[in-house]
Amino acid sequence: MVRTNKFEQFLLLFDALKKAANGSPQRLKIFYEQSETLKRTAEDLSNYLERYDFERRVFHGTWEPSPEEDTNKAQGKYHARVPIGFERACKEYKNDWETAITEVICDLSDLSAKLDNINLPLPDNYEENDELRAPDPRYEDDYDPTVHDGGAAFNSLLQLAIEQLDRDPDWEDVASAKAHIGLSSYDYLENTIGISISEIFRRWRMVPVIFMPSNVSDRYSLSEGKKTLFNLLDDAVKAFIAGSYVGALATCRAIFEMVLKGHYDLDLYE
């Protein structure tokens, strides 16, 4: 039995839904209640995406593959062994199908009517059109890279130490010393070394996710040392998010040369 990876599983489930709905999200919404096949395929895809927190893991660098899944472990902004057509299918799902699936499974029309009569508290910093916002600890207890500003989340930890020191300067001598050390090292990082945590998070979000097809990724291994395509991609991303644009550009050139030589048998200097 051939084991499918996370990308192949998504494509199989998505293709099954499209076949059941004759390629029409509108047909899914109209006949969802009458067709057991539509119900099953829509729920199978929705459950898979929710169970594996698919969007967050794939597009925000938090995927941890199982040992039997991918020998080339996913690293932050790239994924190996991605079937051709995955990116196109993801765009089609997001643009054409996601809303329809959410509507039929969650019955949003009925839910919306119920919520109209409920006054739900929202975070003070919530704005409907904001791409990112600071986490609100009154309602949230974890960092979510899909909605939270990483710099603001990090600063909330520093603010906690500052507030504690302001309330009690003698706050358990060792704990107070640790807080002072941490705050001063953060100040040194930003004001002397010149690295901004907020800018690192901002630039990280600017880097696109790279999906490598098997015919590319299977040529490389993470155990081969520092000169594989994986390592160079990592170096380019790290240089960019640290603000070293020249370093990132030089590494991208090295990647380009490696791809030309290794996959097209071309030499940049010939």
C-alpha atoms as a PDB file:
ATOM      1  CA  MET A   1       0.000   0.000   0.000  1.00  0.00           C
ATOM      2  CA  VAL A   2       1.417   3.373  -1.057  1.00  0.00           C
ATOM      3  CA  ARG A   3       1.338   5.993   1.679  1.00  0.00           C
ATOM      4  CA  THR A   4       0.152   9.464   0.638  1.00  0.00           C
ATOM      5  CA  ASN A   5       1.675  12.604   2.096  1.00  0.00           C
ATOM      6  CA  LYS A   6      -0.288  15.591   3.387  1.00  0.00           C
ATOM      7  CA  PHE A   7      -0.390  17.343   0.027  1.00  0.00           C
ATOM      8  CA  GLU A   8      -1.521  14.266  -1.903  1.00  0.00           C
ATOM      9  CA  GLN A   9      -4.213  13.598   0.700  1.00  0.00           C
ATOM     10  CA  PHE A  10      -5.565  17.121   0.257  1.00  0.00           C
ATOM     11  CA  LEU A  11      -5.666  16.702  -3.526  1.00  0.00           C
ATOM     12  CA  LEU A  12      -7.467  13.345  -3.265  1.00  0.00           C
ATOM     13  CA  LEU A  13     -10.128  14.727  -0.919  1.00  0.00           C
ATOM     14  CA  PHE A  14     -10.563  17.945  -2.902  1.00  0.00           C
ATOM     15  CA  ASP A  15     -10.846  16.065  -6.219  1.00  0.00           C
ATOM     16  CA  ALA A  16     -13.460  13.750  -4.701  1.00  0.00           C
ATOM     17  CA  LEU A  17     -15.541  16.736  -3.602  1.00  0.00           C
ATOM     18  CA  LYS A  18     -15.280  18.460  -6.977  1.00  0.00           C
ATOM     19  CA  LYS A  19     -16.316  15.270  -8.763  1.00  0.00           C
ATOM     20  CA  ALA A  20     -19.320  14.843  -6.448  1.00  0.00           C
ATOM     21  CA  ALA A  21     -20.352  18.470  -7.051  1.00  0.00           C
ATOM     22  CA  ASN A  22     -19.659  18.355 -10.810  1.00  0.00           C
ATOM     23  CA  GLY A  23     -17.057  21.077 -10.310  1.00  0.00           C
ATOM     24  CA  SER A  24     -19.603  23.588  -8.974  1.00  0.00           C
ATOM     25  CA  PRO A  25     -19.457  25.160  -5.482  1.00  0.00           C
ATOM     26  CA  GLN A  26     -22.990  26.438  -6.091  1.00  0.00           C
ATOM     27  CA  ARG A  27     -24.198  22.886  -6.685  1.00  0.00           C
ATOM     28  CA  LEU A  28     -22.616  21.903  -3.375  1.00  0.00           C
ATOM     29  CA  LYS A  29     -24.661  24.557  -1.556  1.00  0.00           C
ATOM     30  CA  ILE A  30     -27.912  23.660  -3.322  1.00  0.00           C
ATOM     31  CA  PHE A  31     -27.793  19.852  -3.057  1.00  0.00           C
ATOM     32  CA  TYR A  32     -25.743  19.366   0.121  1.00  0.00           C
ATOM     33  CA  GLU A  33     -28.698  18.229   2.240  1.00  0.00           C
ATOM     34  CA  GLN A  34     -30.082  15.916  -0.464  1.00  0.00           C
ATOM     35  CA  SER A  35     -26.860  14.150  -1.467  1.00  0.00           C
ATOM     36  CA  GLU A  36     -25.050  11.783   0.881  1.00  0.00           C
ATOM     37  CA  THR A  37     -22.041  11.792  -1.437  1.00  0.00           C
ATOM     38  CA  LEU A  38     -21.777  15.578  -1.304  1.00  0.00           C
ATOM     39  CA  LYS A  39     -22.130  15.534   2.477  1.00  0.00           C
ATOM     40  CA  ARG A  40     -19.492  12.864   2.921  1.00  0.00           C
ATOM     41  CA  THR A  41     -16.892  14.372   0.569  1.00  0.00           C
ATOM     42  CA  ALA A  42     -17.358  17.913   1.912  1.00  0.00           C
ATOM     43  CA  GLU A  43     -17.111  16.747   5.517  1.00  0.00           C
ATOM     44  CA  ASP A  44     -14.116  14.505   4.781  1.00  0.00           C
ATOM     45  CA  LEU A  45     -12.192  17.466   3.337  1.00  0.00           C
ATOM     46  CA  SER A  46     -13.301  19.875   6.071  1.00  0.00           C
ATOM     47  CA  ASN A  47     -12.412  17.405   8.830  1.00  0.00           C
ATOM     48  CA  TYR A  48      -8.995  16.749   7.307  1.00  0.00           C
ATOM     49  CA  LEU A  49      -8.153  20.446   7.066  1.00  0.00           C
ATOM     50  CA  GLU A  50      -9.328  21.067  10.630  1.00  0.00           C
ATOM     51  CA  ARG A  51      -7.723  17.979  12.150  1.00  0.00           C
ATOM     52  CA  TYR A  52      -4.294  18.804  10.758  1.00  0.00           C
ATOM     53  CA  ASP A  53      -4.657  22.598  11.113  1.00  0.00           C
ATOM     54  CA  PHE A  54      -3.687  22.474   7.459  1.00  0.00           C
ATOM     55  CA  GLU A  55      -3.475  26.145   6.486  1.00  0.00           C
ATOM     56  CA  ARG A  56      -1.497  27.171   9.549  1.00  0.00           C
ATOM     57  CA  ARG A  57       0.929  24.277   9.279  1.00  0.00           C
ATOM     58  CA  VAL A  58       1.513  24.456   5.541  1.00  0.00           C
ATOM     59  CA  PHE A  59       1.565  28.211   5.007  1.00  0.00           C
ATOM     60  CA  HIS A  60       2.984  29.435   8.313  1.00  0.00           C
ATOM     61  CA  GLY A  61       5.855  27.038   8.884  1.00  0.00           C
ATOM     62  CA  THR A  62       4.525  24.968  11.775  1.00  0.00           C
ATOM     63  CA  TRP A  63       4.233  21.524  10.132  1.00  0.00           C
ATOM     64  CA  GLU A  64       5.959  18.664  11.914  1.00  0.00           C
ATOM     65  CA  PRO A  65       5.821  15.588   9.632  1.00  0.00           C
ATOM     66  CA  SER A  66       5.542  12.137  11.158  1.00  0.00           C
ATOM     67  CA  PRO A  67       8.675   9.936  10.910  1.00  0.00           C
ATOM     68  CA  GLU A  68       7.107   7.739   8.226  1.00  0.00           C
ATOM     69  CA  GLU A  69       5.849  10.661   6.144  1.00  0.00           C
ATOM     70  CA  ASP A  70       8.610  12.814   4.654  1.00  0.00           C
ATOM     71  CA  THR A  71      12.284  11.933   4.904  1.00  0.00           C
ATOM     72  CA  ASN A  72      13.108  15.498   3.927  1.00  0.00           C
ATOM     73  CA  LYS A  73      11.568  17.329   6.854  1.00  0.00           C
ATOM     74  CA  ALA A  74       9.712  20.542   6.059  1.00  0.00           C
ATOM     75  CA  GLN A  75      11.632  23.622   7.103  1.00  0.00           C
ATOM     76  CA  GLY A  76       9.768  26.838   7.805  1.00  0.00           C
ATOM     77  CA  LYS A  77       9.191  28.316   4.363  1.00  0.00           C
ATOM     78  CA  TYR A  78       9.563  25.306   2.096  1.00  0.00           C
ATOM     79  CA  HIS A  79       8.077  21.865   1.684  1.00  0.00           C
ATOM     80  CA  ALA A  80       9.478  18.859  -0.143  1.00  0.00           C
ATOM     81  CA  ARG A  81       7.723  16.199  -2.232  1.00  0.00           C
ATOM     82  CA  VAL A  82       4.822  18.387  -3.228  1.00  0.00           C
ATOM     83  CA  PRO A  83       2.750  16.985  -6.109  1.00  0.00           C
ATOM     84  CA  ILE A  84       2.432  19.135  -9.201  1.00  0.00           C
ATOM     85  CA  GLY A  85      -0.866  20.996  -9.120  1.00  0.00           C
ATOM     86  CA  PHE A  86      -1.000  21.465  -5.354  1.00  0.00           C
ATOM     87  CA  GLU A  87      -0.546  25.255  -5.427  1.00  0.00           C
ATOM     88  CA  ARG A  88      -3.170  25.636  -8.149  1.00  0.00           C
ATOM     89  CA  ALA A  89      -5.604  23.441  -6.209  1.00  0.00           C
ATOM     90  CA  CYS A  90      -5.014  25.463  -3.027  1.00  0.00           C
ATOM     91  CA  LYS A  91      -5.830  28.702  -4.824  1.00  0.00           C
ATOM     92  CA  GLU A  92      -8.952  27.153  -6.329  1.00  0.00           C
ATOM     93  CA  TYR A  93     -10.059  25.904  -2.909  1.00  0.00           C
ATOM     94  CA  LYS A  94      -9.488  29.284  -1.232  1.00  0.00           C
ATOM     95  CA  ASN A  95     -11.076  31.342  -4.017  1.00  0.00           C
ATOM     96  CA  ASP A  96     -14.009  29.154  -5.045  1.00  0.00           C
ATOM     97  CA  TRP A  97     -14.789  26.443  -2.490  1.00  0.00           C
ATOM     98  CA  GLU A  98     -13.832  27.440   1.057  1.00  0.00           C
ATOM     99  CA  THR A  99     -16.811  29.744   1.641  1.00  0.00           C
ATOM    100  CA  ALA A 100     -19.290  27.240   0.192  1.00  0.00           C
ATOM    101  CA  ILE A 101     -17.951  24.388   2.360  1.00  0.00           C
ATOM    102  CA  THR A 102     -18.042  26.557   5.481  1.00  0.00           C
ATOM    103  CA  GLU A 103     -21.600  27.661   4.744  1.00  0.00           C
ATOM    104  CA  VAL A 104     -23.042  24.175   4.263  1.00  0.00           C
ATOM    105  CA  ILE A 105     -21.197  22.466   7.109  1.00  0.00           C
ATOM    106  CA  CYS A 106     -21.602  25.243   9.682  1.00  0.00           C
ATOM    107  CA  ASP A 107     -25.020  26.376   8.386  1.00  0.00           C
ATOM    108  CA  LEU A 108     -23.909  29.984   8.612  1.00  0.00           C
ATOM    109  CA  SER A 109     -27.248  31.431   7.569  1.00  0.00           C
ATOM    110  CA  ASP A 110     -28.884  30.052  10.713  1.00  0.00           C
ATOM    111  CA  LEU A 111     -25.846  30.884  12.867  1.00  0.00           C
ATOM    112  CA  SER A 112     -25.762  34.483  11.658  1.00  0.00           C
ATOM    113  CA  ALA A 113     -29.363  35.024  12.686  1.00  0.00           C
ATOM    114  CA  LYS A 114     -28.628  33.668  16.168  1.00  0.00           C
ATOM    115  CA  LEU A 115     -25.524  35.793  16.620  1.00  0.00           C
ATOM    116  CA  ASP A 116     -27.436  38.965  15.769  1.00  0.00           C
ATOM    117  CA  ASN A 117     -29.099  38.643  19.166  1.00  0.00           C
ATOM    118  CA  ILE A 118     -25.886  38.017  21.103  1.00  0.00           C
ATOM    119  CA  ASN A 119     -23.410  40.694  22.152  1.00  0.00           C
ATOM    120  CA  LEU A 120     -20.060  38.930  21.978  1.00  0.00           C
ATOM    121  CA  PRO A 121     -17.045  40.708  23.502  1.00  0.00           C
ATOM    122  CA  LEU A 122     -14.237  41.489  21.068  1.00  0.00           C
ATOM    123  CA  PRO A 123     -10.621  42.303  21.866  1.00  0.00           C
ATOM    124  CA  ASP A 124     -10.017  46.027  22.399  1.00  0.00           C
ATOM    125  CA  ASN A 125      -7.501  46.036  19.555  1.00  0.00           C
ATOM    126  CA  TYR A 126      -9.842  44.279  17.111  1.00  0.00           C
ATOM    127  CA  GLU A 127     -10.450  45.978  13.776  1.00  0.00           C
ATOM    128  CA  GLU A 128     -12.414  44.129  11.131  1.00  0.00           C
ATOM    129  CA  ASN A 129     -10.029  44.882   8.277  1.00  0.00           C
ATOM    130  CA  ASP A 130      -6.749  44.442  10.139  1.00  0.00           C
ATOM    131  CA  GLU A 131      -4.507  41.764   8.659  1.00  0.00           C
ATOM    132  CA  LEU A 132      -2.700  41.224  11.947  1.00  0.00           C
ATOM    133  CA  ARG A 133      -3.380  42.272  15.518  1.00  0.00           C
ATOM    134  CA  ALA A 134      -1.887  41.833  18.961  1.00  0.00           C
ATOM    135  CA  PRO A 135      -3.204  38.854  20.950  1.00  0.00           C
ATOM    136  CA  ASP A 136      -5.683  39.730  23.698  1.00  0.00           C
ATOM    137  CA  PRO A 137      -4.876  37.605  26.792  1.00  0.00           C
ATOM    138  CA  ARG A 138      -8.419  38.013  28.112  1.00  0.00           C
ATOM    139  CA  TYR A 139      -9.762  35.800  25.334  1.00  0.00           C
ATOM    140  CA  GLU A 140      -6.686  34.063  23.892  1.00  0.00           C
ATOM    141  CA  ASP A 141      -3.918  31.968  25.399  1.00  0.00           C
ATOM    142  CA  ASP A 142      -1.781  31.048  22.398  1.00  0.00           C
ATOM    143  CA  TYR A 143       0.057  32.719  19.528  1.00  0.00           C
ATOM    144  CA  ASP A 144      -1.557  32.188  16.118  1.00  0.00           C
ATOM    145  CA  PRO A 145       0.666  33.340  13.213  1.00  0.00           C
ATOM    146  CA  THR A 146      -2.347  33.551  10.896  1.00  0.00           C
ATOM    147  CA  VAL A 147      -3.942  36.443  12.817  1.00  0.00           C
ATOM    148  CA  HIS A 148      -1.468  37.743  15.418  1.00  0.00           C
ATOM    149  CA  ASP A 149       1.323  40.277  15.116  1.00  0.00           C
ATOM    150  CA  GLY A 150       4.385  38.348  16.317  1.00  0.00           C
ATOM    151  CA  GLY A 151       6.229  41.473  17.413  1.00  0.00           C
ATOM    152  CA  ALA A 152       3.279  42.621  19.499  1.00  0.00           C
ATOM    153  CA  ALA A 153       2.950  39.138  21.015  1.00  0.00           C
ATOM    154  CA  PHE A 154       6.634  39.128  21.955  1.00  0.00           C
ATOM    155  CA  ASN A 155       6.404  42.619  23.413  1.00  0.00           C
ATOM    156  CA  SER A 156       3.501  41.529  25.621  1.00  0.00           C
ATOM    157  CA  LEU A 157       5.923  39.217  27.451  1.00  0.00           C
ATOM    158  CA  LEU A 158       8.341  42.086  27.996  1.00  0.00           C
ATOM    159  CA  GLN A 159       5.507  44.324  29.154  1.00  0.00           C
ATOM    160  CA  LEU A 160       4.515  41.713  31.725  1.00  0.00           C
ATOM    161  CA  ALA A 161       8.003  41.826  33.251  1.00  0.00           C
ATOM    162  CA  ILE A 162       8.021  45.642  33.235  1.00  0.00           C
ATOM    163  CA  GLU A 163       4.622  45.822  34.936  1.00  0.00           C
ATOM    164  CA  GLN A 164       5.683  43.303  37.566  1.00  0.00           C
ATOM    165  CA  LEU A 165       8.851  45.290  38.314  1.00  0.00           C
ATOM    166  CA  ASP A 166       6.865  48.523  38.554  1.00  0.00           C
ATOM    167  CA  ARG A 167       4.467  46.952  41.063  1.00  0.00           C
ATOM    168  CA  ASP A 168       7.151  45.347  43.175  1.00  0.00           C
ATOM    169  CA  PRO A 169      10.797  46.404  42.621  1.00  0.00           C
ATOM    170  CA  ASP A 170      11.920  43.747  45.150  1.00  0.00           C
ATOM    171  CA  TRP A 171       9.883  41.007  43.444  1.00  0.00           C
ATOM    172  CA  GLU A 172      11.753  37.853  44.549  1.00  0.00           C
ATOM    173  CA  ASP A 173      15.341  38.958  44.100  1.00  0.00           C
ATOM    174  CA  VAL A 174      16.280  36.187  41.639  1.00  0.00           C
ATOM    175  CA  ALA A 175      13.129  36.625  39.537  1.00  0.00           C
ATOM    176  CA  SER A 176      13.670  40.391  39.513  1.00  0.00           C
ATOM    177  CA  ALA A 177      17.274  39.940  38.409  1.00  0.00           C
ATOM    178  CA  LYS A 178      16.207  37.591  35.608  1.00  0.00           C
ATOM    179  CA  ALA A 179      13.632  40.115  34.404  1.00  0.00           C
ATOM    180  CA  HIS A 180      16.206  42.917  34.425  1.00  0.00           C
ATOM    181  CA  ILE A 181      18.724  40.777  32.546  1.00  0.00           C
ATOM    182  CA  GLY A 182      16.146  39.758  29.942  1.00  0.00           C
ATOM    183  CA  LEU A 183      14.914  43.319  29.399  1.00  0.00           C
ATOM    184  CA  SER A 184      18.417  44.738  29.129  1.00  0.00           C
ATOM    185  CA  SER A 185      19.475  42.020  26.658  1.00  0.00           C
ATOM    186  CA  TYR A 186      16.398  42.788  24.546  1.00  0.00           C
ATOM    187  CA  ASP A 187      17.292  46.481  24.621  1.00  0.00           C
ATOM    188  CA  TYR A 188      20.844  45.568  23.538  1.00  0.00           C
ATOM    189  CA  LEU A 189      19.524  43.405  20.712  1.00  0.00           C
ATOM    190  CA  GLU A 190      17.327  46.166  19.285  1.00  0.00           C
ATOM    191  CA  ASN A 191      19.356  49.297  20.020  1.00  0.00           C
ATOM    192  CA  THR A 192      22.975  48.101  19.817  1.00  0.00           C
ATOM    193  CA  ILE A 193      22.933  45.099  17.488  1.00  0.00           C
ATOM    194  CA  GLY A 194      20.130  46.720  15.515  1.00  0.00           C
ATOM    195  CA  ILE A 195      17.767  43.760  15.103  1.00  0.00           C
ATOM    196  CA  SER A 196      14.071  44.475  15.551  1.00  0.00           C
ATOM    197  CA  ILE A 197      11.876  41.568  16.638  1.00  0.00           C
ATOM    198  CA  SER A 198       8.817  43.214  15.098  1.00  0.00           C
ATOM    199  CA  GLU A 199      10.629  43.635  11.773  1.00  0.00           C
ATOM    200  CA  ILE A 200      11.729  39.992  11.843  1.00  0.00           C
ATOM    201  CA  PHE A 201       8.134  38.853  12.172  1.00  0.00           C
ATOM    202  CA  ARG A 202       7.036  41.290   9.445  1.00  0.00           C
ATOM    203  CA  ARG A 203       9.681  40.116   6.987  1.00  0.00           C
ATOM    204  CA  TRP A 204       8.984  36.463   7.816  1.00  0.00           C
ATOM    205  CA  ARG A 205       5.406  36.931   6.633  1.00  0.00           C
ATOM    206  CA  MET A 206       6.676  38.508   3.404  1.00  0.00           C
ATOM    207  CA  VAL A 207       8.575  35.351   2.405  1.00  0.00           C
ATOM    208  CA  PRO A 208       6.468  33.091   0.157  1.00  0.00           C
ATOM    209  CA  VAL A 209       6.105  29.402   0.930  1.00  0.00           C
ATOM    210  CA  ILE A 210       8.013  27.257  -1.574  1.00  0.00           C
ATOM    211  CA  PHE A 211       6.593  23.913  -2.708  1.00  0.00           C
ATOM    212  CA  MET A 212       9.182  21.580  -4.236  1.00  0.00           C
ATOM    213  CA  PRO A 213       7.983  18.760  -6.498  1.00  0.00           C
ATOM    214  CA  SER A 214       9.431  15.320  -5.832  1.00  0.00           C
ATOM    215  CA  ASN A 215      11.646  15.354  -8.934  1.00  0.00           C
ATOM    216  CA  VAL A 216      13.459  18.325  -7.375  1.00  0.00           C
ATOM    217  CA  SER A 217      13.414  17.617  -3.641  1.00  0.00           C
ATOM    218  CA  ASP A 218      14.313  13.923  -3.944  1.00  0.00           C
ATOM    219  CA  ARG A 219      17.736  14.888  -5.309  1.00  0.00           C
ATOM    220  CA  TYR A 220      18.716  16.414  -1.991  1.00  0.00           C
ATOM    221  CA  SER A 221      19.004  15.318   1.608  1.00  0.00           C
ATOM    222  CA  LEU A 222      19.303  17.379   4.779  1.00  0.00           C
ATOM    223  CA  SER A 223      22.232  15.176   5.808  1.00  0.00           C
ATOM    224  CA  GLU A 224      24.442  16.183   2.865  1.00  0.00           C
ATOM    225  CA  GLY A 225      25.946  19.238   4.533  1.00  0.00           C
ATOM    226  CA  LYS A 226      25.665  22.952   3.982  1.00  0.00           C
ATOM    227  CA  LYS A 227      25.484  23.077   0.191  1.00  0.00           C
ATOM    228  CA  THR A 228      22.118  21.463  -0.549  1.00  0.00           C
ATOM    229  CA  LEU A 229      19.164  23.326  -1.987  1.00  0.00           C
ATOM    230  CA  PHE A 230      17.397  23.039   1.378  1.00  0.00           C
ATOM    231  CA  ASN A 231      20.256  24.645   3.274  1.00  0.00           C
ATOM    232  CA  LEU A 232      20.640  27.461   0.762  1.00  0.00           C
ATOM    233  CA  LEU A 233      16.921  28.224   0.941  1.00  0.00           C
ATOM    234  CA  ASP A 234      17.149  28.337   4.720  1.00  0.00           C
ATOM    235  CA  ASP A 235      20.141  30.679   4.530  1.00  0.00           C
ATOM    236  CA  ALA A 236      18.370  32.990   2.077  1.00  0.00           C
ATOM    237  CA  VAL A 237      15.268  33.209   4.265  1.00  0.00           C
ATOM    238  CA  LYS A 238      17.275  33.828   7.439  1.00  0.00           C
ATOM    239  CA  ALA A 239      19.354  36.519   5.773  1.00  0.00           C
ATOM    240  CA  PHE A 240      16.222  38.267   4.503  1.00  0.00           C
ATOM    241  CA  ILE A 241      14.310  38.204   7.793  1.00  0.00           C
ATOM    242  CA  ALA A 242      17.424  39.501   9.600  1.00  0.00           C
ATOM    243  CA  GLY A 243      17.455  42.468   7.218  1.00  0.00           C
ATOM    244  CA  SER A 244      20.561  41.397   5.278  1.00  0.00           C
ATOM    245  CA  TYR A 245      19.127  41.938   1.821  1.00  0.00           C
ATOM    246  CA  VAL A 246      22.499  41.741   0.055  1.00  0.00           C
ATOM    247  CA  GLY A 247      23.207  38.419   1.789  1.00  0.00           C
ATOM    248  CA  ALA A 248      19.779  37.109   0.804  1.00  0.00           C
ATOM    249  CA  LEU A 249      20.326  38.196  -2.809  1.00  0.00           C
ATOM    250  CA  ALA A 250      23.744  36.514  -2.974  1.00  0.00           C
ATOM    251  CA  THR A 251      22.291  33.286  -1.610  1.00  0.00           C
ATOM    252  CA  CYS A 252      19.409  33.412  -4.101  1.00  0.00           C
ATOM    253  CA  ARG A 253      22.002  33.694  -6.866  1.00  0.00           C
ATOM    254  CA  ALA A 254      23.724  30.563  -5.528  1.00  0.00           C
ATOM    255  CA  ILE A 255      20.344  28.783  -5.504  1.00  0.00           C
ATOM    256  CA  PHE A 256      19.737  29.864  -9.098  1.00  0.00           C
ATOM    257  CA  GLU A 257      23.122  28.534 -10.173  1.00  0.00           C
ATOM    258  CA  MET A 258      22.509  25.218  -8.370  1.00  0.00           C
ATOM    259  CA  VAL A 259      19.136  24.758 -10.080  1.00  0.00           C
ATOM    260  CA  LEU A 260      20.535  25.608 -13.524  1.00  0.00           C
ATOM    261  CA  LYS A 261      23.415  23.149 -13.168  1.00  0.00           C
ATOM    262  CA  GLY A 262      21.596  20.365 -11.343  1.00  0.00           C
ATOM    263  CA  HIS A 263      18.276  20.368 -13.167  1.00  0.00           C
ATOM    264  CA  TYR A 264      18.899  21.963 -16.565  1.00  0.00           C
ATOM    265  CA  ASP A 265      22.561  21.073 -17.111  1.00  0.00           C
ATOM    266  CA  LEU A 266      23.345  24.731 -17.752  1.00  0.00           C
ATOM    267  CA  ASP A 267      26.220  26.865 -16.536  1.00  0.00           C
ATOM    268  CA  LEU A 268      25.539  30.516 -15.711  1.00  0.00           C
ATOM    269  CA  TYR A 269      28.975  31.527 -16.945  1.00  0.00           C
ATOM    270  CA  GLU A 270      29.054  29.658 -20.247  1.00  0.00           C
END
